[in-house]
Amino acid sequence: MINYADYEFYSNTYKGSLSGDLFNSLIGKTSREIDLNVNREITEDDLNNEEHNFGYKIKYTTCLLLDYINSENKGNGAVKSISIDGVSKTIKGLEETKKDKQNILNNLPQELVRYI
C-alpha cells in the first residue's frame, strides 16, 4: 500500500508545519483512513493524475486529515467540557469528530468517494 502524500508536498505545497518525523509517523494511518472512505484502491497513477486536479485533491485531503489526526492525538476525547479552578475547556465529542473527518474527506475527488 502506498502513502497518499509525501513530506515535500506537505511542507512545500500544503505548507504544513509538522516535523518530518511526526509526518512520517502519521502518514500511514492517514492514508489507511482514506482507504476506508473510497470505493477503490488509489494508485500512483491517481496521485500523478493532473486532470481536474485529481492527484492534488488526494494529496491535499491527505494532508488536511493528517493535521486533524495529529490534533486529535494531542488529547481531544469524548469529554464535552471540563472545568478546574475556574478554567474550562470544551472538547469535541465523538459525533463532532466524525463530522469533522467527513468534512475533510469531502475534499476527495467525487470519483473516489464511497457512497453509503
PDB file of N, CA and C in Angstrom:
ATOM      1  N   MET A   1       0.838  -1.180   0.000  1.00  0.00           N
ATOM      2  CA  MET A   1       0.000   0.000   0.000  1.00  0.00           C
ATOM      3  C   MET A   1       0.887   1.249   0.000  1.00  0.00           C
ATOM      4  N   ILE A   2       0.410   2.249  -0.665  1.00  0.00           N
ATOM      5  CA  ILE A   2       1.194   3.477  -0.784  1.00  0.00           C
ATOM      6  C   ILE A   2       0.629   4.549   0.147  1.00  0.00           C
ATOM      7  N   ASN A   3       1.471   5.517   0.445  1.00  0.00           N
ATOM      8  CA  ASN A   3       1.024   6.687   1.192  1.00  0.00           C
ATOM      9  C   ASN A   3       0.621   7.752   0.188  1.00  0.00           C
ATOM     10  N   TYR A   4      -0.395   8.506   0.520  1.00  0.00           N
ATOM     11  CA  TYR A   4      -1.013   9.405  -0.462  1.00  0.00           C
ATOM     12  C   TYR A   4      -0.442  10.811  -0.506  1.00  0.00           C
ATOM     13  N   ALA A   5       0.561  11.094   0.297  1.00  0.00           N
ATOM     14  CA  ALA A   5       1.275  12.371   0.218  1.00  0.00           C
ATOM     15  C   ALA A   5       2.685  12.124   0.729  1.00  0.00           C
ATOM     16  N   ASP A   6       3.600  12.967   0.322  1.00  0.00           N
ATOM     17  CA  ASP A   6       4.953  12.879   0.849  1.00  0.00           C
ATOM     18  C   ASP A   6       5.273  14.173   1.594  1.00  0.00           C
ATOM     19  N   TYR A   7       6.379  14.149   2.314  1.00  0.00           N
ATOM     20  CA  TYR A   7       6.710  15.312   3.145  1.00  0.00           C
ATOM     21  C   TYR A   7       6.991  16.553   2.300  1.00  0.00           C
ATOM     22  N   GLU A   8       7.539  16.355   1.120  1.00  0.00           N
ATOM     23  CA  GLU A   8       7.792  17.507   0.243  1.00  0.00           C
ATOM     24  C   GLU A   8       6.487  18.226  -0.097  1.00  0.00           C
ATOM     25  N   PHE A   9       5.453  17.473  -0.488  1.00  0.00           N
ATOM     26  CA  PHE A   9       4.153  18.081  -0.775  1.00  0.00           C
ATOM     27  C   PHE A   9       3.591  18.731   0.482  1.00  0.00           C
ATOM     28  N   TYR A  10       3.668  18.015   1.597  1.00  0.00           N
ATOM     29  CA  TYR A  10       3.118  18.514   2.865  1.00  0.00           C
ATOM     30  C   TYR A  10       3.749  19.845   3.263  1.00  0.00           C
ATOM     31  N   SER A  11       5.056  19.920   3.198  1.00  0.00           N
ATOM     32  CA  SER A  11       5.729  21.133   3.676  1.00  0.00           C
ATOM     33  C   SER A  11       5.771  22.253   2.642  1.00  0.00           C
ATOM     34  N   ASN A  12       5.940  21.926   1.364  1.00  0.00           N
ATOM     35  CA  ASN A  12       6.109  22.966   0.348  1.00  0.00           C
ATOM     36  C   ASN A  12       4.816  23.417  -0.322  1.00  0.00           C
ATOM     37  N   THR A  13       3.912  22.503  -0.591  1.00  0.00           N
ATOM     38  CA  THR A  13       2.668  22.864  -1.290  1.00  0.00           C
ATOM     39  C   THR A  13       1.542  23.131  -0.302  1.00  0.00           C
ATOM     40  N   TYR A  14       1.319  22.192   0.580  1.00  0.00           N
ATOM     41  CA  TYR A  14       0.264  22.324   1.592  1.00  0.00           C
ATOM     42  C   TYR A  14       0.656  23.338   2.667  1.00  0.00           C
ATOM     43  N   LYS A  15       1.943  23.518   2.881  1.00  0.00           N
ATOM     44  CA  LYS A  15       2.501  24.440   3.877  1.00  0.00           C
ATOM     45  C   LYS A  15       2.228  23.979   5.300  1.00  0.00           C
ATOM     46  N   GLY A  16       2.322  22.661   5.521  1.00  0.00           N
ATOM     47  CA  GLY A  16       2.143  22.103   6.853  1.00  0.00           C
ATOM     48  C   GLY A  16       3.338  22.402   7.741  1.00  0.00           C
ATOM     49  N   SER A  17       3.129  22.295   9.049  1.00  0.00           N
ATOM     50  CA  SER A  17       4.174  22.693   9.992  1.00  0.00           C
ATOM     51  C   SER A  17       4.733  21.544  10.833  1.00  0.00           C
ATOM     52  N   LEU A  18       4.291  20.319  10.596  1.00  0.00           N
ATOM     53  CA  LEU A  18       4.806  19.194  11.377  1.00  0.00           C
ATOM     54  C   LEU A  18       6.227  18.846  10.954  1.00  0.00           C
ATOM     55  N   SER A  19       6.978  18.288  11.873  1.00  0.00           N
ATOM     56  CA  SER A  19       8.327  17.833  11.547  1.00  0.00           C
ATOM     57  C   SER A  19       8.240  16.623  10.620  1.00  0.00           C
ATOM     58  N   GLY A  20       9.326  16.333   9.942  1.00  0.00           N
ATOM     59  CA  GLY A  20       9.371  15.170   9.059  1.00  0.00           C
ATOM     60  C   GLY A  20       9.120  13.870   9.813  1.00  0.00           C
ATOM     61  N   ASP A  21       9.668  13.755  11.014  1.00  0.00           N
ATOM     62  CA  ASP A  21       9.472  12.539  11.808  1.00  0.00           C
ATOM     63  C   ASP A  21       8.017  12.349  12.199  1.00  0.00           C
ATOM     64  N   LEU A  22       7.364  13.425  12.635  1.00  0.00           N
ATOM     65  CA  LEU A  22       5.951  13.318  13.021  1.00  0.00           C
ATOM     66  C   LEU A  22       5.083  13.025  11.798  1.00  0.00           C
ATOM     67  N   PHE A  23       5.385  13.690  10.689  1.00  0.00           N
ATOM     68  CA  PHE A  23       4.673  13.412   9.447  1.00  0.00           C
ATOM     69  C   PHE A  23       4.791  11.929   9.098  1.00  0.00           C
ATOM     70  N   ASN A  24       6.015  11.410   9.125  1.00  0.00           N
ATOM     71  CA  ASN A  24       6.250  10.010   8.771  1.00  0.00           C
ATOM     72  C   ASN A  24       5.541   9.047   9.708  1.00  0.00           C
ATOM     73  N   SER A  25       5.376   9.429  10.964  1.00  0.00           N
ATOM     74  CA  SER A  25       4.697   8.538  11.909  1.00  0.00           C
ATOM     75  C   SER A  25       3.186   8.517  11.697  1.00  0.00           C
ATOM     76  N   LEU A  26       2.635   9.528  11.043  1.00  0.00           N
ATOM     77  CA  LEU A  26       1.180   9.626  10.865  1.00  0.00           C
ATOM     78  C   LEU A  26       0.686   9.339   9.451  1.00  0.00           C
ATOM     79  N   ILE A  27       1.556   9.403   8.453  1.00  0.00           N
ATOM     80  CA  ILE A  27       1.103   9.314   7.066  1.00  0.00           C
ATOM     81  C   ILE A  27       0.488   7.955   6.733  1.00  0.00           C
ATOM     82  N   GLY A  28       1.001   6.890   7.281  1.00  0.00           N
ATOM     83  CA  GLY A  28       0.430   5.569   7.018  1.00  0.00           C
ATOM     84  C   GLY A  28      -0.981   5.456   7.562  1.00  0.00           C
ATOM     85  N   LYS A  29      -1.173   5.877   8.796  1.00  0.00           N
ATOM     86  CA  LYS A  29      -2.500   5.849   9.424  1.00  0.00           C
ATOM     87  C   LYS A  29      -3.477   6.725   8.640  1.00  0.00           C
ATOM     88  N   THR A  30      -3.014   7.880   8.223  1.00  0.00           N
ATOM     89  CA  THR A  30      -3.861   8.806   7.475  1.00  0.00           C
ATOM     90  C   THR A  30      -4.274   8.208   6.130  1.00  0.00           C
ATOM     91  N   SER A  31      -3.339   7.630   5.422  1.00  0.00           N
ATOM     92  CA  SER A  31      -3.643   7.021   4.123  1.00  0.00           C
ATOM     93  C   SER A  31      -4.623   5.867   4.282  1.00  0.00           C
ATOM     94  N   ARG A  32      -4.457   5.063   5.338  1.00  0.00           N
ATOM     95  CA  ARG A  32      -5.386   3.938   5.553  1.00  0.00           C
ATOM     96  C   ARG A  32      -6.776   4.444   5.948  1.00  0.00           C
ATOM     97  N   GLU A  33      -6.863   5.569   6.630  1.00  0.00           N
ATOM     98  CA  GLU A  33      -8.159   6.168   6.956  1.00  0.00           C
ATOM     99  C   GLU A  33      -8.880   6.579   5.668  1.00  0.00           C
ATOM    100  N   ILE A  34      -8.142   7.097   4.717  1.00  0.00           N
ATOM    101  CA  ILE A  34      -8.732   7.448   3.426  1.00  0.00           C
ATOM    102  C   ILE A  34      -9.195   6.188   2.704  1.00  0.00           C
ATOM    103  N   ASP A  35      -8.401   5.127   2.783  1.00  0.00           N
ATOM    104  CA  ASP A  35      -8.794   3.855   2.153  1.00  0.00           C
ATOM    105  C   ASP A  35     -10.179   3.400   2.607  1.00  0.00           C
ATOM    106  N   LEU A  36     -10.512   3.644   3.854  1.00  0.00           N
ATOM    107  CA  LEU A  36     -11.809   3.226   4.399  1.00  0.00           C
ATOM    108  C   LEU A  36     -12.980   4.016   3.814  1.00  0.00           C
ATOM    109  N   ASN A  37     -12.672   5.111   3.137  1.00  0.00           N
ATOM    110  CA  ASN A  37     -13.726   6.008   2.669  1.00  0.00           C
ATOM    111  C   ASN A  37     -13.773   6.195   1.162  1.00  0.00           C
ATOM    112  N   VAL A  38     -13.048   5.354   0.438  1.00  0.00           N
ATOM    113  CA  VAL A  38     -13.084   5.440  -1.028  1.00  0.00           C
ATOM    114  C   VAL A  38     -13.587   4.121  -1.603  1.00  0.00           C
ATOM    115  N   ASN A  39     -14.010   4.165  -2.849  1.00  0.00           N
ATOM    116  CA  ASN A  39     -14.642   2.999  -3.468  1.00  0.00           C
ATOM    117  C   ASN A  39     -13.681   2.105  -4.248  1.00  0.00           C
ATOM    118  N   ARG A  40     -12.376   2.434  -4.240  1.00  0.00           N
ATOM    119  CA  ARG A  40     -11.388   1.602  -4.924  1.00  0.00           C
ATOM    120  C   ARG A  40     -10.009   1.967  -4.405  1.00  0.00           C
ATOM    121  N   GLU A  41      -9.038   1.139  -4.758  1.00  0.00           N
ATOM    122  CA  GLU A  41      -7.664   1.394  -4.340  1.00  0.00           C
ATOM    123  C   GLU A  41      -7.110   2.594  -5.109  1.00  0.00           C
ATOM    124  N   ILE A  42      -6.461   3.478  -4.400  1.00  0.00           N
ATOM    125  CA  ILE A  42      -5.809   4.629  -5.015  1.00  0.00           C
ATOM    126  C   ILE A  42      -4.412   4.197  -5.451  1.00  0.00           C
ATOM    127  N   THR A  43      -4.044   4.533  -6.687  1.00  0.00           N
ATOM    128  CA  THR A  43      -2.769   4.102  -7.260  1.00  0.00           C
ATOM    129  C   THR A  43      -1.822   5.293  -7.438  1.00  0.00           C
ATOM    130  N   GLU A  44      -0.580   4.974  -7.774  1.00  0.00           N
ATOM    131  CA  GLU A  44       0.399   6.021  -8.103  1.00  0.00           C
ATOM    132  C   GLU A  44      -0.104   6.849  -9.290  1.00  0.00           C
ATOM    133  N   ASP A  45      -0.747   6.188 -10.252  1.00  0.00           N
ATOM    134  CA  ASP A  45      -1.296   6.909 -11.409  1.00  0.00           C
ATOM    135  C   ASP A  45      -2.320   7.942 -10.961  1.00  0.00           C
ATOM    136  N   ASP A  46      -3.146   7.587  -9.974  1.00  0.00           N
ATOM    137  CA  ASP A  46      -4.120   8.542  -9.450  1.00  0.00           C
ATOM    138  C   ASP A  46      -3.428   9.748  -8.831  1.00  0.00           C
ATOM    139  N   LEU A  47      -2.367   9.491  -8.076  1.00  0.00           N
ATOM    140  CA  LEU A  47      -1.653  10.581  -7.407  1.00  0.00           C
ATOM    141  C   LEU A  47      -0.950  11.495  -8.397  1.00  0.00           C
ATOM    142  N   ASN A  48      -0.600  10.960  -9.558  1.00  0.00           N
ATOM    143  CA  ASN A  48       0.072  11.758 -10.588  1.00  0.00           C
ATOM    144  C   ASN A  48      -0.885  12.323 -11.633  1.00  0.00           C
ATOM    145  N   ASN A  49      -2.159  12.004 -11.524  1.00  0.00           N
ATOM    146  CA  ASN A  49      -3.171  12.457 -12.474  1.00  0.00           C
ATOM    147  C   ASN A  49      -3.457  13.944 -12.257  1.00  0.00           C
ATOM    148  N   GLU A  50      -3.135  14.741 -13.259  1.00  0.00           N
ATOM    149  CA  GLU A  50      -3.337  16.185 -13.155  1.00  0.00           C
ATOM    150  C   GLU A  50      -4.682  16.651 -13.700  1.00  0.00           C
ATOM    151  N   GLU A  51      -5.423  15.755 -14.351  1.00  0.00           N
ATOM    152  CA  GLU A  51      -6.719  16.127 -14.902  1.00  0.00           C
ATOM    153  C   GLU A  51      -7.677  16.500 -13.776  1.00  0.00           C
ATOM    154  N   HIS A  52      -8.221  17.696 -13.854  1.00  0.00           N
ATOM    155  CA  HIS A  52      -9.160  18.229 -12.861  1.00  0.00           C
ATOM    156  C   HIS A  52      -8.555  18.215 -11.454  1.00  0.00           C
ATOM    157  N   ASN A  53      -7.225  18.364 -11.371  1.00  0.00           N
ATOM    158  CA  ASN A  53      -6.515  18.369 -10.088  1.00  0.00           C
ATOM    159  C   ASN A  53      -6.750  17.107  -9.274  1.00  0.00           C
ATOM    160  N   PHE A  54      -6.972  15.983  -9.932  1.00  0.00           N
ATOM    161  CA  PHE A  54      -7.313  14.728  -9.274  1.00  0.00           C
ATOM    162  C   PHE A  54      -6.257  14.332  -8.232  1.00  0.00           C
ATOM    163  N   GLY A  55      -4.999  14.244  -8.636  1.00  0.00           N
ATOM    164  CA  GLY A  55      -3.927  13.860  -7.718  1.00  0.00           C
ATOM    165  C   GLY A  55      -3.715  14.883  -6.614  1.00  0.00           C
ATOM    166  N   TYR A  56      -3.802  16.154  -6.975  1.00  0.00           N
ATOM    167  CA  TYR A  56      -3.643  17.231  -5.991  1.00  0.00           C
ATOM    168  C   TYR A  56      -4.704  17.112  -4.901  1.00  0.00           C
ATOM    169  N   LYS A  57      -5.939  16.843  -5.287  1.00  0.00           N
ATOM    170  CA  LYS A  57      -7.035  16.734  -4.307  1.00  0.00           C
ATOM    171  C   LYS A  57      -6.787  15.593  -3.323  1.00  0.00           C
ATOM    172  N   ILE A  58      -6.283  14.486  -3.822  1.00  0.00           N
ATOM    173  CA  ILE A  58      -5.988  13.352  -2.939  1.00  0.00           C
ATOM    174  C   ILE A  58      -4.881  13.736  -1.959  1.00  0.00           C
ATOM    175  N   LYS A  59      -3.814  14.311  -2.465  1.00  0.00           N
ATOM    176  CA  LYS A  59      -2.688  14.686  -1.609  1.00  0.00           C
ATOM    177  C   LYS A  59      -3.090  15.753  -0.596  1.00  0.00           C
ATOM    178  N   TYR A  60      -3.832  16.751  -1.044  1.00  0.00           N
ATOM    179  CA  TYR A  60      -4.246  17.845  -0.162  1.00  0.00           C
ATOM    180  C   TYR A  60      -5.172  17.325   0.941  1.00  0.00           C
ATOM    181  N   THR A  61      -6.113  16.477   0.568  1.00  0.00           N
ATOM    182  CA  THR A  61      -7.017  15.894   1.556  1.00  0.00           C
ATOM    183  C   THR A  61      -6.238  15.053   2.563  1.00  0.00           C
ATOM    184  N   THR A  62      -5.255  14.328   2.085  1.00  0.00           N
ATOM    185  CA  THR A  62      -4.405  13.535   2.978  1.00  0.00           C
ATOM    186  C   THR A  62      -3.715  14.438   3.992  1.00  0.00           C
ATOM    187  N   CYS A  63      -3.206  15.559   3.554  1.00  0.00           N
ATOM    188  CA  CYS A  63      -2.527  16.489   4.462  1.00  0.00           C
ATOM    189  C   CYS A  63      -3.500  17.104   5.465  1.00  0.00           C
ATOM    190  N   LEU A  64      -4.687  17.482   4.995  1.00  0.00           N
ATOM    191  CA  LEU A  64      -5.708  18.003   5.918  1.00  0.00           C
ATOM    192  C   LEU A  64      -6.024  16.981   7.003  1.00  0.00           C
ATOM    193  N   LEU A  65      -6.244  15.746   6.587  1.00  0.00           N
ATOM    194  CA  LEU A  65      -6.597  14.689   7.526  1.00  0.00           C
ATOM    195  C   LEU A  65      -5.422  14.382   8.460  1.00  0.00           C
ATOM    196  N   LEU A  66      -4.211  14.412   7.954  1.00  0.00           N
ATOM    197  CA  LEU A  66      -3.035  14.174   8.779  1.00  0.00           C
ATOM    198  C   LEU A  66      -2.945  15.214   9.892  1.00  0.00           C
ATOM    199  N   ASP A  67      -3.122  16.484   9.558  1.00  0.00           N
ATOM    200  CA  ASP A  67      -3.095  17.534  10.584  1.00  0.00           C
ATOM    201  C   ASP A  67      -4.229  17.341  11.587  1.00  0.00           C
ATOM    202  N   TYR A  68      -5.388  16.918  11.112  1.00  0.00           N
ATOM    203  CA  TYR A  68      -6.524  16.681  12.004  1.00  0.00           C
ATOM    204  C   TYR A  68      -6.224  15.518  12.952  1.00  0.00           C
ATOM    205  N   ILE A  69      -5.684  14.437  12.429  1.00  0.00           N
ATOM    206  CA  ILE A  69      -5.335  13.279  13.268  1.00  0.00           C
ATOM    207  C   ILE A  69      -4.285  13.688  14.298  1.00  0.00           C
ATOM    208  N   ASN A  70      -3.324  14.507  13.890  1.00  0.00           N
ATOM    209  CA  ASN A  70      -2.320  14.990  14.833  1.00  0.00           C
ATOM    210  C   ASN A  70      -2.970  15.795  15.956  1.00  0.00           C
ATOM    211  N   SER A  71      -3.922  16.662  15.620  1.00  0.00           N
ATOM    212  CA  SER A  71      -4.587  17.453  16.663  1.00  0.00           C
ATOM    213  C   SER A  71      -5.411  16.563  17.586  1.00  0.00           C
ATOM    214  N   GLU A  72      -6.010  15.506  17.040  1.00  0.00           N
ATOM    215  CA  GLU A  72      -6.760  14.547  17.857  1.00  0.00           C
ATOM    216  C   GLU A  72      -5.832  13.818  18.816  1.00  0.00           C
ATOM    217  N   ASN A  73      -4.631  13.530  18.372  1.00  0.00           N
ATOM    218  CA  ASN A  73      -3.661  12.819  19.210  1.00  0.00           C
ATOM    219  C   ASN A  73      -3.151  13.674  20.366  1.00  0.00           C
ATOM    220  N   LYS A  74      -3.413  14.956  20.306  1.00  0.00           N
ATOM    221  CA  LYS A  74      -2.948  15.850  21.368  1.00  0.00           C
ATOM    222  C   LYS A  74      -3.889  15.873  22.560  1.00  0.00           C
ATOM    223  N   GLY A  75      -4.912  15.014  22.560  1.00  0.00           N
ATOM    224  CA  GLY A  75      -5.714  14.907  23.770  1.00  0.00           C
ATOM    225  C   GLY A  75      -7.198  15.160  23.633  1.00  0.00           C
ATOM    226  N   ASN A  76      -7.686  15.442  22.458  1.00  0.00           N
ATOM    227  CA  ASN A  76      -9.128  15.595  22.329  1.00  0.00           C
ATOM    228  C   ASN A  76      -9.797  14.248  22.518  1.00  0.00           C
ATOM    229  N   GLY A  77     -10.874  14.206  23.270  1.00  0.00           N
ATOM    230  CA  GLY A  77     -11.554  12.950  23.531  1.00  0.00           C
ATOM    231  C   GLY A  77     -13.048  13.124  23.511  1.00  0.00           C
ATOM    232  N   ALA A  78     -13.751  12.225  24.154  1.00  0.00           N
ATOM    233  CA  ALA A  78     -15.208  12.243  24.138  1.00  0.00           C
ATOM    234  C   ALA A  78     -15.800  13.150  25.211  1.00  0.00           C
ATOM    235  N   VAL A  79     -14.984  13.688  26.116  1.00  0.00           N
ATOM    236  CA  VAL A  79     -15.493  14.569  27.160  1.00  0.00           C
ATOM    237  C   VAL A  79     -15.925  15.881  26.526  1.00  0.00           C
ATOM    238  N   LYS A  80     -17.112  16.364  26.910  1.00  0.00           N
ATOM    239  CA  LYS A  80     -17.612  17.617  26.337  1.00  0.00           C
ATOM    240  C   LYS A  80     -16.905  18.827  26.910  1.00  0.00           C
ATOM    241  N   SER A  81     -16.820  18.941  28.239  1.00  0.00           N
ATOM    242  CA  SER A  81     -16.135  20.075  28.840  1.00  0.00           C
ATOM    243  C   SER A  81     -15.619  19.698  30.217  1.00  0.00           C
ATOM    244  N   ILE A  82     -14.611  20.443  30.635  1.00  0.00           N
ATOM    245  CA  ILE A  82     -14.025  20.225  31.951  1.00  0.00           C
ATOM    246  C   ILE A  82     -13.685  21.593  32.531  1.00  0.00           C
ATOM    247  N   SER A  83     -13.836  21.719  33.829  1.00  0.00           N
ATOM    248  CA  SER A  83     -13.533  22.981  34.490  1.00  0.00           C
ATOM    249  C   SER A  83     -12.744  22.693  35.764  1.00  0.00           C
ATOM    250  N   ILE A  84     -11.608  23.349  35.895  1.00  0.00           N
ATOM    251  CA  ILE A  84     -10.766  23.204  37.083  1.00  0.00           C
ATOM    252  C   ILE A  84     -10.374  24.598  37.544  1.00  0.00           C
ATOM    253  N   ASP A  85     -10.739  24.916  38.779  1.00  0.00           N
ATOM    254  CA  ASP A  85     -10.402  26.215  39.376  1.00  0.00           C
ATOM    255  C   ASP A  85     -10.761  27.393  38.470  1.00  0.00           C
ATOM    256  N   GLY A  86     -11.937  27.347  37.890  1.00  0.00           N
ATOM    257  CA  GLY A  86     -12.412  28.450  37.067  1.00  0.00           C
ATOM    258  C   GLY A  86     -11.903  28.458  35.641  1.00  0.00           C
ATOM    259  N   VAL A  87     -11.029  27.547  35.293  1.00  0.00           N
ATOM    260  CA  VAL A  87     -10.539  27.438  33.920  1.00  0.00           C
ATOM    261  C   VAL A  87     -11.274  26.283  33.268  1.00  0.00           C
ATOM    262  N   SER A  88     -11.946  26.558  32.139  1.00  0.00           N
ATOM    263  CA  SER A  88     -12.696  25.491  31.488  1.00  0.00           C
ATOM    264  C   SER A  88     -12.226  25.287  30.066  1.00  0.00           C
ATOM    265  N   LYS A  89     -12.419  24.057  29.622  1.00  0.00           N
ATOM    266  CA  LYS A  89     -12.042  23.690  28.260  1.00  0.00           C
ATOM    267  C   LYS A  89     -13.129  22.789  27.709  1.00  0.00           C
ATOM    268  N   THR A  90     -13.527  23.046  26.484  1.00  0.00           N
ATOM    269  CA  THR A  90     -14.512  22.209  25.812  1.00  0.00           C
ATOM    270  C   THR A  90     -13.799  21.345  24.794  1.00  0.00           C
ATOM    271  N   ILE A  91     -14.124  20.067  24.820  1.00  0.00           N
ATOM    272  CA  ILE A  91     -13.504  19.107  23.914  1.00  0.00           C
ATOM    273  C   ILE A  91     -14.590  18.502  23.040  1.00  0.00           C
ATOM    274  N   LYS A  92     -14.287  18.306  21.775  1.00  0.00           N
ATOM    275  CA  LYS A  92     -15.261  17.751  20.843  1.00  0.00           C
ATOM    276  C   LYS A  92     -15.656  16.334  21.226  1.00  0.00           C
ATOM    277  N   GLY A  93     -16.919  16.034  21.015  1.00  0.00           N
ATOM    278  CA  GLY A  93     -17.411  14.693  21.240  1.00  0.00           C
ATOM    279  C   GLY A  93     -17.222  13.827  20.006  1.00  0.00           C
ATOM    280  N   LEU A  94     -17.579  12.571  20.125  1.00  0.00           N
ATOM    281  CA  LEU A  94     -17.391  11.606  19.048  1.00  0.00           C
ATOM    282  C   LEU A  94     -18.155  11.996  17.781  1.00  0.00           C
ATOM    283  N   GLU A  95     -19.392  12.427  17.917  1.00  0.00           N
ATOM    284  CA  GLU A  95     -20.187  12.813  16.742  1.00  0.00           C
ATOM    285  C   GLU A  95     -19.576  14.021  16.028  1.00  0.00           C
ATOM    286  N   GLU A  96     -19.109  14.995  16.806  1.00  0.00           N
ATOM    287  CA  GLU A  96     -18.470  16.163  16.194  1.00  0.00           C
ATOM    288  C   GLU A  96     -17.186  15.772  15.477  1.00  0.00           C
ATOM    289  N   THR A  97     -16.443  14.840  16.071  1.00  0.00           N
ATOM    290  CA  THR A  97     -15.211  14.358  15.454  1.00  0.00           C
ATOM    291  C   THR A  97     -15.508  13.676  14.127  1.00  0.00           C
ATOM    292  N   LYS A  98     -16.544  12.839  14.084  1.00  0.00           N
ATOM    293  CA  LYS A  98     -16.933  12.168  12.838  1.00  0.00           C
ATOM    294  C   LYS A  98     -17.317  13.182  11.769  1.00  0.00           C
ATOM    295  N   LYS A  99     -18.048  14.222  12.161  1.00  0.00           N
ATOM    296  CA  LYS A  99     -18.448  15.260  11.196  1.00  0.00           C
ATOM    297  C   LYS A  99     -17.228  16.002  10.653  1.00  0.00           C
ATOM    298  N   ASP A 100     -16.290  16.303  11.542  1.00  0.00           N
ATOM    299  CA  ASP A 100     -15.073  16.992  11.099  1.00  0.00           C
ATOM    300  C   ASP A 100     -14.300  16.148  10.091  1.00  0.00           C
ATOM    301  N   LYS A 101     -14.144  14.852  10.381  1.00  0.00           N
ATOM    302  CA  LYS A 101     -13.444  13.965   9.446  1.00  0.00           C
ATOM    303  C   LYS A 101     -14.184  13.894   8.121  1.00  0.00           C
ATOM    304  N   GLN A 102     -15.507  13.807   8.164  1.00  0.00           N
ATOM    305  CA  GLN A 102     -16.276  13.723   6.930  1.00  0.00           C
ATOM    306  C   GLN A 102     -16.136  15.004   6.113  1.00  0.00           C
ATOM    307  N   ASN A 103     -16.105  16.144   6.769  1.00  0.00           N
ATOM    308  CA  ASN A 103     -15.904  17.406   6.057  1.00  0.00           C
ATOM    309  C   ASN A 103     -14.554  17.428   5.353  1.00  0.00           C
ATOM    310  N   ILE A 104     -13.536  16.874   5.980  1.00  0.00           N
ATOM    311  CA  ILE A 104     -12.216  16.789   5.348  1.00  0.00           C
ATOM    312  C   ILE A 104     -12.273  15.842   4.160  1.00  0.00           C
ATOM    313  N   LEU A 105     -12.870  14.664   4.359  1.00  0.00           N
ATOM    314  CA  LEU A 105     -12.933  13.665   3.294  1.00  0.00           C
ATOM    315  C   LEU A 105     -13.775  14.118   2.107  1.00  0.00           C
ATOM    316  N   ASN A 106     -14.643  15.093   2.304  1.00  0.00           N
ATOM    317  CA  ASN A 106     -15.444  15.637   1.209  1.00  0.00           C
ATOM    318  C   ASN A 106     -14.590  16.355   0.171  1.00  0.00           C
ATOM    319  N   ASN A 107     -13.316  16.595   0.478  1.00  0.00           N
ATOM    320  CA  ASN A 107     -12.399  17.225  -0.473  1.00  0.00           C
ATOM    321  C   ASN A 107     -11.816  16.241  -1.485  1.00  0.00           C
ATOM    322  N   LEU A 108     -12.044  14.938  -1.273  1.00  0.00           N
ATOM    323  CA  LEU A 108     -11.566  13.941  -2.229  1.00  0.00           C
ATOM    324  C   LEU A 108     -12.319  14.076  -3.555  1.00  0.00           C
ATOM    325  N   PRO A 109     -11.706  13.669  -4.656  1.00  0.00           N
ATOM    326  CA  PRO A 109     -12.417  13.688  -5.935  1.00  0.00           C
ATOM    327  C   PRO A 109     -13.688  12.831  -5.864  1.00  0.00           C
ATOM    328  N   GLN A 110     -14.747  13.315  -6.443  1.00  0.00           N
ATOM    329  CA  GLN A 110     -16.037  12.631  -6.395  1.00  0.00           C
ATOM    330  C   GLN A 110     -15.967  11.196  -6.918  1.00  0.00           C
ATOM    331  N   GLU A 111     -15.074  10.952  -7.867  1.00  0.00           N
ATOM    332  CA  GLU A 111     -14.955   9.619  -8.453  1.00  0.00           C
ATOM    333  C   GLU A 111     -14.500   8.575  -7.443  1.00  0.00           C
ATOM    334  N   LEU A 112     -13.901   9.026  -6.333  1.00  0.00           N
ATOM    335  CA  LEU A 112     -13.358   8.099  -5.336  1.00  0.00           C
ATOM    336  C   LEU A 112     -14.261   7.893  -4.130  1.00  0.00           C
ATOM    337  N   VAL A 113     -15.196   8.788  -3.944  1.00  0.00           N
ATOM    338  CA  VAL A 113     -15.981   8.771  -2.705  1.00  0.00           C
ATOM    339  C   VAL A 113     -16.904   7.574  -2.648  1.00  0.00           C
ATOM    340  N   ARG A 114     -16.885   6.912  -1.499  1.00  0.00           N
ATOM    341  CA  ARG A 114     -17.744   5.757  -1.268  1.00  0.00           C
ATOM    342  C   ARG A 114     -19.119   6.279  -0.827  1.00  0.00           C
ATOM    343  N   TYR A 115     -20.129   5.888  -1.557  1.00  0.00           N
ATOM    344  CA  TYR A 115     -21.489   6.294  -1.203  1.00  0.00           C
ATOM    345  C   TYR A 115     -22.132   5.209  -0.367  1.00  0.00           C
ATOM    346  N   ILE A 116     -22.747   5.601   0.730  1.00  0.00           N
ATOM    347  CA  ILE A 116     -23.399   4.635   1.608  1.00  0.00           C
ATOM    348  C   ILE A 116     -24.881   4.909   1.644  1.00  0.00           C
TER     349      ILE A 116
END
